[in-house]
Amino acid sequence: MTDATTRAADLLRDHRASIDRLDAILVYTLAERFKHTQSVGRLKARHDLPPSDPSREASQIERLERLAREADLDPEFARKFLTFVIAEVIRHHEHYQS
């Protein structure tokens, strides 16, 4: 193996290790987020509030798109991601309503 190939393999390993750490952070962050949204769902159910809040959801999507642009992330991807997360949260909230 050449020095350049060895260096490339080392860099690849380092990048993959960083990706693995970031994936773990994402999973634990999502778990923490869902703990809070589940509390919100139970609170909404106890007080007979609707499981969805379209105004809040729209403002959160706008906020996340802005943050994505600031972070040099595709805002369309951020919107799709948050839309998916919101749909899952609403599904959980509807479960508490039943």
PDB file of N, CA and C in Angstrom:
ATOM      1  N   MET A   1       0.849  -1.179   0.000  1.00  0.00           N
ATOM      2  CA  MET A   1       0.000   0.000   0.000  1.00  0.00           C
ATOM      3  C   MET A   1       0.893   1.240   0.000  1.00  0.00           C
ATOM      4  N   THR A   2       0.540   2.224  -0.797  1.00  0.00           N
ATOM      5  CA  THR A   2       1.333   3.452  -0.863  1.00  0.00           C
ATOM      6  C   THR A   2       1.003   4.334   0.337  1.00  0.00           C
ATOM      7  N   ASP A   3       1.861   5.315   0.571  1.00  0.00           N
ATOM      8  CA  ASP A   3       1.616   6.267   1.661  1.00  0.00           C
ATOM      9  C   ASP A   3       0.303   7.014   1.456  1.00  0.00           C
ATOM     10  N   ALA A   4       0.020   7.373   0.206  1.00  0.00           N
ATOM     11  CA  ALA A   4      -1.223   8.097  -0.097  1.00  0.00           C
ATOM     12  C   ALA A   4      -2.440   7.220   0.175  1.00  0.00           C
ATOM     13  N   THR A   5      -2.370   5.958  -0.172  1.00  0.00           N
ATOM     14  CA  THR A   5      -3.487   5.040   0.070  1.00  0.00           C
ATOM     15  C   THR A   5      -3.677   4.810   1.569  1.00  0.00           C
ATOM     16  N   THR A   6      -2.580   4.686   2.289  1.00  0.00           N
ATOM     17  CA  THR A   6      -2.661   4.516   3.741  1.00  0.00           C
ATOM     18  C   THR A   6      -3.283   5.746   4.387  1.00  0.00           C
ATOM     19  N   ARG A   7      -2.861   6.894   3.946  1.00  0.00           N
ATOM     20  CA  ARG A   7      -3.416   8.162   4.477  1.00  0.00           C
ATOM     21  C   ARG A   7      -4.905   8.277   4.152  1.00  0.00           C
ATOM     22  N   ALA A   8      -5.278   7.896   2.929  1.00  0.00           N
ATOM     23  CA  ALA A   8      -6.692   7.929   2.540  1.00  0.00           C
ATOM     24  C   ALA A   8      -7.505   6.974   3.408  1.00  0.00           C
ATOM     25  N   ALA A   9      -6.981   5.803   3.665  1.00  0.00           N
ATOM     26  CA  ALA A   9      -7.677   4.830   4.518  1.00  0.00           C
ATOM     27  C   ALA A   9      -7.834   5.373   5.935  1.00  0.00           C
ATOM     28  N   ASP A  10      -6.799   6.042   6.446  1.00  0.00           N
ATOM     29  CA  ASP A  10      -6.879   6.649   7.783  1.00  0.00           C
ATOM     30  C   ASP A  10      -7.937   7.751   7.828  1.00  0.00           C
ATOM     31  N   LEU A  11      -7.951   8.589   6.798  1.00  0.00           N
ATOM     32  CA  LEU A  11      -8.950   9.666   6.737  1.00  0.00           C
ATOM     33  C   LEU A  11     -10.361   9.096   6.648  1.00  0.00           C
ATOM     34  N   LEU A  12     -10.527   8.066   5.837  1.00  0.00           N
ATOM     35  CA  LEU A  12     -11.832   7.422   5.701  1.00  0.00           C
ATOM     36  C   LEU A  12     -12.294   6.863   7.048  1.00  0.00           C
ATOM     37  N   ARG A  13     -11.393   6.202   7.757  1.00  0.00           N
ATOM     38  CA  ARG A  13     -11.713   5.660   9.081  1.00  0.00           C
ATOM     39  C   ARG A  13     -12.122   6.779  10.034  1.00  0.00           C
ATOM     40  N   ASP A  14     -11.386   7.900  10.021  1.00  0.00           N
ATOM     41  CA  ASP A  14     -11.698   9.031  10.898  1.00  0.00           C
ATOM     42  C   ASP A  14     -13.059   9.639  10.569  1.00  0.00           C
ATOM     43  N   HIS A  15     -13.329   9.809   9.272  1.00  0.00           N
ATOM     44  CA  HIS A  15     -14.637  10.347   8.869  1.00  0.00           C
ATOM     45  C   HIS A  15     -15.762   9.416   9.313  1.00  0.00           C
ATOM     46  N   ARG A  16     -15.580   8.129   9.110  1.00  0.00           N
ATOM     47  CA  ARG A  16     -16.615   7.170   9.500  1.00  0.00           C
ATOM     48  C   ARG A  16     -16.827   7.154  11.014  1.00  0.00           C
ATOM     49  N   ALA A  17     -15.757   7.296  11.772  1.00  0.00           N
ATOM     50  CA  ALA A  17     -15.898   7.346  13.232  1.00  0.00           C
ATOM     51  C   ALA A  17     -16.688   8.589  13.638  1.00  0.00           C
ATOM     52  N   SER A  18     -16.428   9.713  12.990  1.00  0.00           N
ATOM     53  CA  SER A  18     -17.193  10.938  13.262  1.00  0.00           C
ATOM     54  C   SER A  18     -18.657  10.755  12.889  1.00  0.00           C
ATOM     55  N   ILE A  19     -18.910  10.142  11.751  1.00  0.00           N
ATOM     56  CA  ILE A  19     -20.290   9.890  11.320  1.00  0.00           C
ATOM     57  C   ILE A  19     -21.003   9.000  12.331  1.00  0.00           C
ATOM     58  N   ASP A  20     -20.324   7.972  12.815  1.00  0.00           N
ATOM     59  CA  ASP A  20     -20.929   7.072  13.805  1.00  0.00           C
ATOM     60  C   ASP A  20     -21.276   7.821  15.089  1.00  0.00           C
ATOM     61  N   ARG A  21     -20.396   8.705  15.540  1.00  0.00           N
ATOM     62  CA  ARG A  21     -20.674   9.499  16.746  1.00  0.00           C
ATOM     63  C   ARG A  21     -21.862  10.425  16.508  1.00  0.00           C
ATOM     64  N   LEU A  22     -21.894  11.062  15.345  1.00  0.00           N
ATOM     65  CA  LEU A  22     -23.000  11.969  15.028  1.00  0.00           C
ATOM     66  C   LEU A  22     -24.322  11.222  14.914  1.00  0.00           C
ATOM     67  N   ASP A  23     -24.300  10.018  14.349  1.00  0.00           N
ATOM     68  CA  ASP A  23     -25.517   9.212  14.283  1.00  0.00           C
ATOM     69  C   ASP A  23     -26.030   8.901  15.690  1.00  0.00           C
ATOM     70  N   ALA A  24     -25.133   8.579  16.594  1.00  0.00           N
ATOM     71  CA  ALA A  24     -25.541   8.310  17.977  1.00  0.00           C
ATOM     72  C   ALA A  24     -26.144   9.567  18.615  1.00  0.00           C
ATOM     73  N   ILE A  25     -25.531  10.713  18.362  1.00  0.00           N
ATOM     74  CA  ILE A  25     -26.059  11.975  18.888  1.00  0.00           C
ATOM     75  C   ILE A  25     -27.464  12.219  18.343  1.00  0.00           C
ATOM     76  N   LEU A  26     -27.660  11.981  17.048  1.00  0.00           N
ATOM     77  CA  LEU A  26     -28.987  12.166  16.443  1.00  0.00           C
ATOM     78  C   LEU A  26     -30.026  11.260  17.104  1.00  0.00           C
ATOM     79  N   VAL A  27     -29.685  10.001  17.300  1.00  0.00           N
ATOM     80  CA  VAL A  27     -30.641   9.056  17.900  1.00  0.00           C
ATOM     81  C   VAL A  27     -30.991   9.488  19.318  1.00  0.00           C
ATOM     82  N   TYR A  28     -30.002   9.809  20.124  1.00  0.00           N
ATOM     83  CA  TYR A  28     -30.275  10.202  21.507  1.00  0.00           C
ATOM     84  C   TYR A  28     -31.015  11.541  21.571  1.00  0.00           C
ATOM     85  N   THR A  29     -30.713  12.442  20.651  1.00  0.00           N
ATOM     86  CA  THR A  29     -31.410  13.729  20.597  1.00  0.00           C
ATOM     87  C   THR A  29     -32.872  13.520  20.209  1.00  0.00           C
ATOM     88  N   LEU A  30     -33.115  12.680  19.224  1.00  0.00           N
ATOM     89  CA  LEU A  30     -34.502  12.385  18.843  1.00  0.00           C
ATOM     90  C   LEU A  30     -35.253  11.707  19.983  1.00  0.00           C
ATOM     91  N   ALA A  31     -34.606  10.806  20.687  1.00  0.00           N
ATOM     92  CA  ALA A  31     -35.250  10.149  21.831  1.00  0.00           C
ATOM     93  C   ALA A  31     -35.639  11.178  22.886  1.00  0.00           C
ATOM     94  N   GLU A  32     -34.754  12.108  23.172  1.00  0.00           N
ATOM     95  CA  GLU A  32     -35.048  13.165  24.157  1.00  0.00           C
ATOM     96  C   GLU A  32     -36.189  14.046  23.658  1.00  0.00           C
ATOM     97  N   ARG A  33     -36.174  14.379  22.391  1.00  0.00           N
ATOM     98  CA  ARG A  33     -37.246  15.204  21.810  1.00  0.00           C
ATOM     99  C   ARG A  33     -38.589  14.490  21.947  1.00  0.00           C
ATOM    100  N   PHE A  34     -38.614  13.191  21.631  1.00  0.00           N
ATOM    101  CA  PHE A  34     -39.866  12.451  21.713  1.00  0.00           C
ATOM    102  C   PHE A  34     -40.345  12.288  23.159  1.00  0.00           C
ATOM    103  N   LYS A  35     -39.454  12.250  24.117  1.00  0.00           N
ATOM    104  CA  LYS A  35     -39.885  12.224  25.528  1.00  0.00           C
ATOM    105  C   LYS A  35     -40.690  13.488  25.836  1.00  0.00           C
ATOM    106  N   HIS A  36     -40.214  14.619  25.346  1.00  0.00           N
ATOM    107  CA  HIS A  36     -40.925  15.882  25.579  1.00  0.00           C
ATOM    108  C   HIS A  36     -42.241  15.931  24.816  1.00  0.00           C
ATOM    109  N   THR A  37     -42.220  15.492  23.557  1.00  0.00           N
ATOM    110  CA  THR A  37     -43.463  15.542  22.788  1.00  0.00           C
ATOM    111  C   THR A  37     -44.495  14.557  23.338  1.00  0.00           C
ATOM    112  N   GLN A  38     -44.049  13.459  23.916  1.00  0.00           N
ATOM    113  CA  GLN A  38     -44.995  12.538  24.548  1.00  0.00           C
ATOM    114  C   GLN A  38     -45.637  13.189  25.772  1.00  0.00           C
ATOM    115  N   SER A  39     -44.855  13.939  26.526  1.00  0.00           N
ATOM    116  CA  SER A  39     -45.418  14.684  27.664  1.00  0.00           C
ATOM    117  C   SER A  39     -46.442  15.702  27.172  1.00  0.00           C
ATOM    118  N   VAL A  40     -46.120  16.374  26.063  1.00  0.00           N
ATOM    119  CA  VAL A  40     -47.059  17.325  25.475  1.00  0.00           C
ATOM    120  C   VAL A  40     -48.335  16.600  25.054  1.00  0.00           C
ATOM    121  N   GLY A  41     -48.208  15.436  24.441  1.00  0.00           N
ATOM    122  CA  GLY A  41     -49.369  14.667  24.012  1.00  0.00           C
ATOM    123  C   GLY A  41     -50.256  14.276  25.171  1.00  0.00           C
ATOM    124  N   ARG A  42     -49.661  13.844  26.277  1.00  0.00           N
ATOM    125  CA  ARG A  42     -50.456  13.489  27.456  1.00  0.00           C
ATOM    126  C   ARG A  42     -51.146  14.723  28.033  1.00  0.00           C
ATOM    127  N   LEU A  43     -50.443  15.844  28.057  1.00  0.00           N
ATOM    128  CA  LEU A  43     -51.016  17.096  28.550  1.00  0.00           C
ATOM    129  C   LEU A  43     -52.194  17.525  27.679  1.00  0.00           C
ATOM    130  N   LYS A  44     -52.016  17.455  26.371  1.00  0.00           N
ATOM    131  CA  LYS A  44     -53.103  17.810  25.450  1.00  0.00           C
ATOM    132  C   LYS A  44     -54.313  16.899  25.668  1.00  0.00           C
ATOM    133  N   ALA A  45     -54.063  15.608  25.839  1.00  0.00           N
ATOM    134  CA  ALA A  45     -55.171  14.666  26.043  1.00  0.00           C
ATOM    135  C   ALA A  45     -55.917  14.968  27.338  1.00  0.00           C
ATOM    136  N   ARG A  46     -55.187  15.267  28.404  1.00  0.00           N
ATOM    137  CA  ARG A  46     -55.822  15.571  29.698  1.00  0.00           C
ATOM    138  C   ARG A  46     -56.688  16.823  29.622  1.00  0.00           C
ATOM    139  N   HIS A  47     -56.295  17.763  28.775  1.00  0.00           N
ATOM    140  CA  HIS A  47     -57.014  19.036  28.700  1.00  0.00           C
ATOM    141  C   HIS A  47     -57.844  19.161  27.420  1.00  0.00           C
ATOM    142  N   ASP A  48     -58.065  18.018  26.779  1.00  0.00           N
ATOM    143  CA  ASP A  48     -58.911  17.946  25.584  1.00  0.00           C
ATOM    144  C   ASP A  48     -58.488  18.952  24.509  1.00  0.00           C
ATOM    145  N   LEU A  49     -57.195  19.048  24.294  1.00  0.00           N
ATOM    146  CA  LEU A  49     -56.649  19.916  23.246  1.00  0.00           C
ATOM    147  C   LEU A  49     -56.384  19.077  22.002  1.00  0.00           C
ATOM    148  N   PRO A  50     -56.461  19.683  20.828  1.00  0.00           N
ATOM    149  CA  PRO A  50     -56.244  18.911  19.594  1.00  0.00           C
ATOM    150  C   PRO A  50     -54.809  18.390  19.512  1.00  0.00           C
ATOM    151  N   PRO A  51     -54.633  17.221  18.893  1.00  0.00           N
ATOM    152  CA  PRO A  51     -53.290  16.637  18.800  1.00  0.00           C
ATOM    153  C   PRO A  51     -52.360  17.417  17.876  1.00  0.00           C
ATOM    154  N   SER A  52     -52.918  18.238  16.991  1.00  0.00           N
ATOM    155  CA  SER A  52     -52.119  18.982  16.026  1.00  0.00           C
ATOM    156  C   SER A  52     -52.287  20.477  16.267  1.00  0.00           C
ATOM    157  N   ASP A  53     -51.213  21.227  16.038  1.00  0.00           N
ATOM    158  CA  ASP A  53     -51.237  22.689  16.139  1.00  0.00           C
ATOM    159  C   ASP A  53     -50.609  23.242  14.858  1.00  0.00           C
ATOM    160  N   PRO A  54     -51.422  23.361  13.791  1.00  0.00           N
ATOM    161  CA  PRO A  54     -50.870  23.754  12.482  1.00  0.00           C
ATOM    162  C   PRO A  54     -50.073  25.052  12.497  1.00  0.00           C
ATOM    163  N   SER A  55     -50.474  26.018  13.291  1.00  0.00           N
ATOM    164  CA  SER A  55     -49.746  27.289  13.355  1.00  0.00           C
ATOM    165  C   SER A  55     -48.339  27.077  13.921  1.00  0.00           C
ATOM    166  N   ARG A  56     -48.246  26.339  15.004  1.00  0.00           N
ATOM    167  CA  ARG A  56     -46.946  26.039  15.615  1.00  0.00           C
ATOM    168  C   ARG A  56     -46.089  25.221  14.644  1.00  0.00           C
ATOM    169  N   GLU A  57     -46.704  24.240  14.007  1.00  0.00           N
ATOM    170  CA  GLU A  57     -45.961  23.390  13.087  1.00  0.00           C
ATOM    171  C   GLU A  57     -45.383  24.215  11.936  1.00  0.00           C
ATOM    172  N   ALA A  58     -46.175  25.122  11.385  1.00  0.00           N
ATOM    173  CA  ALA A  58     -45.706  25.961  10.282  1.00  0.00           C
ATOM    174  C   ALA A  58     -44.552  26.857  10.730  1.00  0.00           C
ATOM    175  N   SER A  59     -44.672  27.435  11.927  1.00  0.00           N
ATOM    176  CA  SER A  59     -43.590  28.310  12.395  1.00  0.00           C
ATOM    177  C   SER A  59     -42.324  27.502  12.690  1.00  0.00           C
ATOM    178  N   GLN A  60     -42.477  26.282  13.169  1.00  0.00           N
ATOM    179  CA  GLN A  60     -41.310  25.443  13.431  1.00  0.00           C
ATOM    180  C   GLN A  60     -40.623  25.046  12.123  1.00  0.00           C
ATOM    181  N   ILE A  61     -41.407  24.765  11.100  1.00  0.00           N
ATOM    182  CA  ILE A  61     -40.824  24.421   9.799  1.00  0.00           C
ATOM    183  C   ILE A  61     -40.057  25.621   9.250  1.00  0.00           C
ATOM    184  N   GLU A  62     -40.647  26.812   9.326  1.00  0.00           N
ATOM    185  CA  GLU A  62     -39.942  28.022   8.877  1.00  0.00           C
ATOM    186  C   GLU A  62     -38.645  28.215   9.660  1.00  0.00           C
ATOM    187  N   ARG A  63     -38.722  28.024  10.968  1.00  0.00           N
ATOM    188  CA  ARG A  63     -37.551  28.182  11.834  1.00  0.00           C
ATOM    189  C   ARG A  63     -36.454  27.191  11.450  1.00  0.00           C
ATOM    190  N   LEU A  64     -36.844  25.935  11.234  1.00  0.00           N
ATOM    191  CA  LEU A  64     -35.857  24.922  10.896  1.00  0.00           C
ATOM    192  C   LEU A  64     -35.244  25.171   9.525  1.00  0.00           C
ATOM    193  N   GLU A  65     -36.040  25.650   8.580  1.00  0.00           N
ATOM    194  CA  GLU A  65     -35.490  25.994   7.270  1.00  0.00           C
ATOM    195  C   GLU A  65     -34.462  27.120   7.396  1.00  0.00           C
ATOM    196  N   ARG A  66     -34.758  28.118   8.231  1.00  0.00           N
ATOM    197  CA  ARG A  66     -33.816  29.221   8.450  1.00  0.00           C
ATOM    198  C   ARG A  66     -32.527  28.692   9.085  1.00  0.00           C
ATOM    199  N   LEU A  67     -32.674  27.854  10.112  1.00  0.00           N
ATOM    200  CA  LEU A  67     -31.498  27.270  10.759  1.00  0.00           C
ATOM    201  C   LEU A  67     -30.688  26.441   9.771  1.00  0.00           C
ATOM    202  N   ALA A  68     -31.383  25.708   8.904  1.00  0.00           N
ATOM    203  CA  ALA A  68     -30.683  24.891   7.905  1.00  0.00           C
ATOM    204  C   ALA A  68     -29.854  25.771   6.977  1.00  0.00           C
ATOM    205  N   ARG A  69     -30.454  26.871   6.521  1.00  0.00           N
ATOM    206  CA  ARG A  69     -29.693  27.780   5.644  1.00  0.00           C
ATOM    207  C   ARG A  69     -28.464  28.313   6.377  1.00  0.00           C
ATOM    208  N   GLU A  70     -28.631  28.682   7.652  1.00  0.00           N
ATOM    209  CA  GLU A  70     -27.494  29.182   8.439  1.00  0.00           C
ATOM    210  C   GLU A  70     -26.411  28.119   8.596  1.00  0.00           C
ATOM    211  N   ALA A  71     -26.821  26.855   8.674  1.00  0.00           N
ATOM    212  CA  ALA A  71     -25.874  25.755   8.878  1.00  0.00           C
ATOM    213  C   ALA A  71     -25.357  25.178   7.569  1.00  0.00           C
ATOM    214  N   ASP A  72     -25.764  25.776   6.443  1.00  0.00           N
ATOM    215  CA  ASP A  72     -25.371  25.300   5.115  1.00  0.00           C
ATOM    216  C   ASP A  72     -25.892  23.882   4.861  1.00  0.00           C
ATOM    217  N   LEU A  73     -27.146  23.657   5.295  1.00  0.00           N
ATOM    218  CA  LEU A  73     -27.852  22.404   5.048  1.00  0.00           C
ATOM    219  C   LEU A  73     -29.020  22.717   4.125  1.00  0.00           C
ATOM    220  N   ASP A  74     -29.337  21.823   3.246  1.00  0.00           N
ATOM    221  CA  ASP A  74     -30.447  22.015   2.312  1.00  0.00           C
ATOM    222  C   ASP A  74     -31.740  22.246   3.096  1.00  0.00           C
ATOM    223  N   PRO A  75     -32.358  23.440   2.994  1.00  0.00           N
ATOM    224  CA  PRO A  75     -33.583  23.718   3.746  1.00  0.00           C
ATOM    225  C   PRO A  75     -34.741  22.805   3.352  1.00  0.00           C
ATOM    226  N   GLU A  76     -34.753  22.343   2.114  1.00  0.00           N
ATOM    227  CA  GLU A  76     -35.799  21.400   1.682  1.00  0.00           C
ATOM    228  C   GLU A  76     -35.663  20.086   2.440  1.00  0.00           C
ATOM    229  N   PHE A  77     -34.438  19.630   2.615  1.00  0.00           N
ATOM    230  CA  PHE A  77     -34.209  18.419   3.409  1.00  0.00           C
ATOM    231  C   PHE A  77     -34.671  18.642   4.847  1.00  0.00           C
ATOM    232  N   ALA A  78     -34.326  19.781   5.421  1.00  0.00           N
ATOM    233  CA  ALA A  78     -34.728  20.092   6.797  1.00  0.00           C
ATOM    234  C   ALA A  78     -36.248  20.106   6.922  1.00  0.00           C
ATOM    235  N   ARG A  79     -36.927  20.694   5.928  1.00  0.00           N
ATOM    236  CA  ARG A  79     -38.389  20.747   5.954  1.00  0.00           C
ATOM    237  C   ARG A  79     -38.971  19.338   5.900  1.00  0.00           C
ATOM    238  N   LYS A  80     -38.465  18.513   4.994  1.00  0.00           N
ATOM    239  CA  LYS A  80     -38.956  17.139   4.875  1.00  0.00           C
ATOM    240  C   LYS A  80     -38.724  16.364   6.173  1.00  0.00           C
ATOM    241  N   PHE A  81     -37.557  16.552   6.759  1.00  0.00           N
ATOM    242  CA  PHE A  81     -37.230  15.850   8.007  1.00  0.00           C
ATOM    243  C   PHE A  81     -38.184  16.267   9.113  1.00  0.00           C
ATOM    244  N   LEU A  82     -38.364  17.578   9.305  1.00  0.00           N
ATOM    245  CA  LEU A  82     -39.241  18.038  10.376  1.00  0.00           C
ATOM    246  C   LEU A  82     -40.689  17.649  10.102  1.00  0.00           C
ATOM    247  N   THR A  83     -41.115  17.686   8.862  1.00  0.00           N
ATOM    248  CA  THR A  83     -42.473  17.265   8.517  1.00  0.00           C
ATOM    249  C   THR A  83     -42.684  15.804   8.906  1.00  0.00           C
ATOM    250  N   PHE A  84     -41.692  14.971   8.656  1.00  0.00           N
ATOM    251  CA  PHE A  84     -41.767  13.561   9.053  1.00  0.00           C
ATOM    252  C   PHE A  84     -41.859  13.436  10.577  1.00  0.00           C
ATOM    253  N   VAL A  85     -41.013  14.164  11.289  1.00  0.00           N
ATOM    254  CA  VAL A  85     -41.013  14.105  12.753  1.00  0.00           C
ATOM    255  C   VAL A  85     -42.354  14.589  13.304  1.00  0.00           C
ATOM    256  N   ILE A  86     -42.868  15.690  12.773  1.00  0.00           N
ATOM    257  CA  ILE A  86     -44.148  16.229  13.232  1.00  0.00           C
ATOM    258  C   ILE A  86     -45.269  15.212  13.000  1.00  0.00           C
ATOM    259  N   ALA A  87     -45.272  14.557  11.857  1.00  0.00           N
ATOM    260  CA  ALA A  87     -46.304  13.549  11.581  1.00  0.00           C
ATOM    261  C   ALA A  87     -46.250  12.426  12.609  1.00  0.00           C
ATOM    262  N   GLU A  88     -45.064  12.021  12.991  1.00  0.00           N
ATOM    263  CA  GLU A  88     -44.908  10.970  13.997  1.00  0.00           C
ATOM    264  C   GLU A  88     -45.391  11.459  15.364  1.00  0.00           C
ATOM    265  N   VAL A  89     -45.080  12.694  15.697  1.00  0.00           N
ATOM    266  CA  VAL A  89     -45.535  13.271  16.971  1.00  0.00           C
ATOM    267  C   VAL A  89     -47.057  13.323  17.006  1.00  0.00           C
ATOM    268  N   ILE A  90     -47.673  13.776  15.922  1.00  0.00           N
ATOM    269  CA  ILE A  90     -49.135  13.856  15.869  1.00  0.00           C
ATOM    270  C   ILE A  90     -49.742  12.460  16.020  1.00  0.00           C
ATOM    271  N   ARG A  91     -49.131  11.478  15.389  1.00  0.00           N
ATOM    272  CA  ARG A  91     -49.612  10.096  15.521  1.00  0.00           C
ATOM    273  C   ARG A  91     -49.586   9.666  16.983  1.00  0.00           C
ATOM    274  N   HIS A  92     -48.520  10.005  17.690  1.00  0.00           N
ATOM    275  CA  HIS A  92     -48.445   9.682  19.127  1.00  0.00           C
ATOM    276  C   HIS A  92     -49.514  10.435  19.905  1.00  0.00           C
ATOM    277  N   HIS A  93     -49.703  11.720  19.586  1.00  0.00           N
ATOM    278  CA  HIS A  93     -50.699  12.515  20.294  1.00  0.00           C
ATOM    279  C   HIS A  93     -52.102  11.957  20.069  1.00  0.00           C
ATOM    280  N   GLU A  94     -52.380  11.521  18.858  1.00  0.00           N
ATOM    281  CA  GLU A  94     -53.688  10.927  18.573  1.00  0.00           C
ATOM    282  C   GLU A  94     -53.889   9.652  19.390  1.00  0.00           C
ATOM    283  N   HIS A  95     -52.812   8.924  19.614  1.00  0.00           N
ATOM    284  CA  HIS A  95     -52.896   7.705  20.438  1.00  0.00           C
ATOM    285  C   HIS A  95     -53.333   8.064  21.864  1.00  0.00           C
ATOM    286  N   TYR A  96     -52.819   9.152  22.401  1.00  0.00           N
ATOM    287  CA  TYR A  96     -53.197   9.574  23.759  1.00  0.00           C
ATOM    288  C   TYR A  96     -54.641  10.029  23.821  1.00  0.00           C
ATOM    289  N   GLN A  97     -55.166  10.497  22.698  1.00  0.00           N
ATOM    290  CA  GLN A  97     -56.547  10.988  22.645  1.00  0.00           C
ATOM    291  C   GLN A  97     -57.549   9.841  22.681  1.00  0.00           C
ATOM    292  N   SER A  98     -57.122   8.654  22.238  1.00  0.00           N
ATOM    293  CA  SER A  98     -58.074   7.544  22.139  1.00  0.00           C
ATOM    294  C   SER A  98     -58.221   6.762  23.429  1.00  0.00           C
TER     295      SER A  98
END
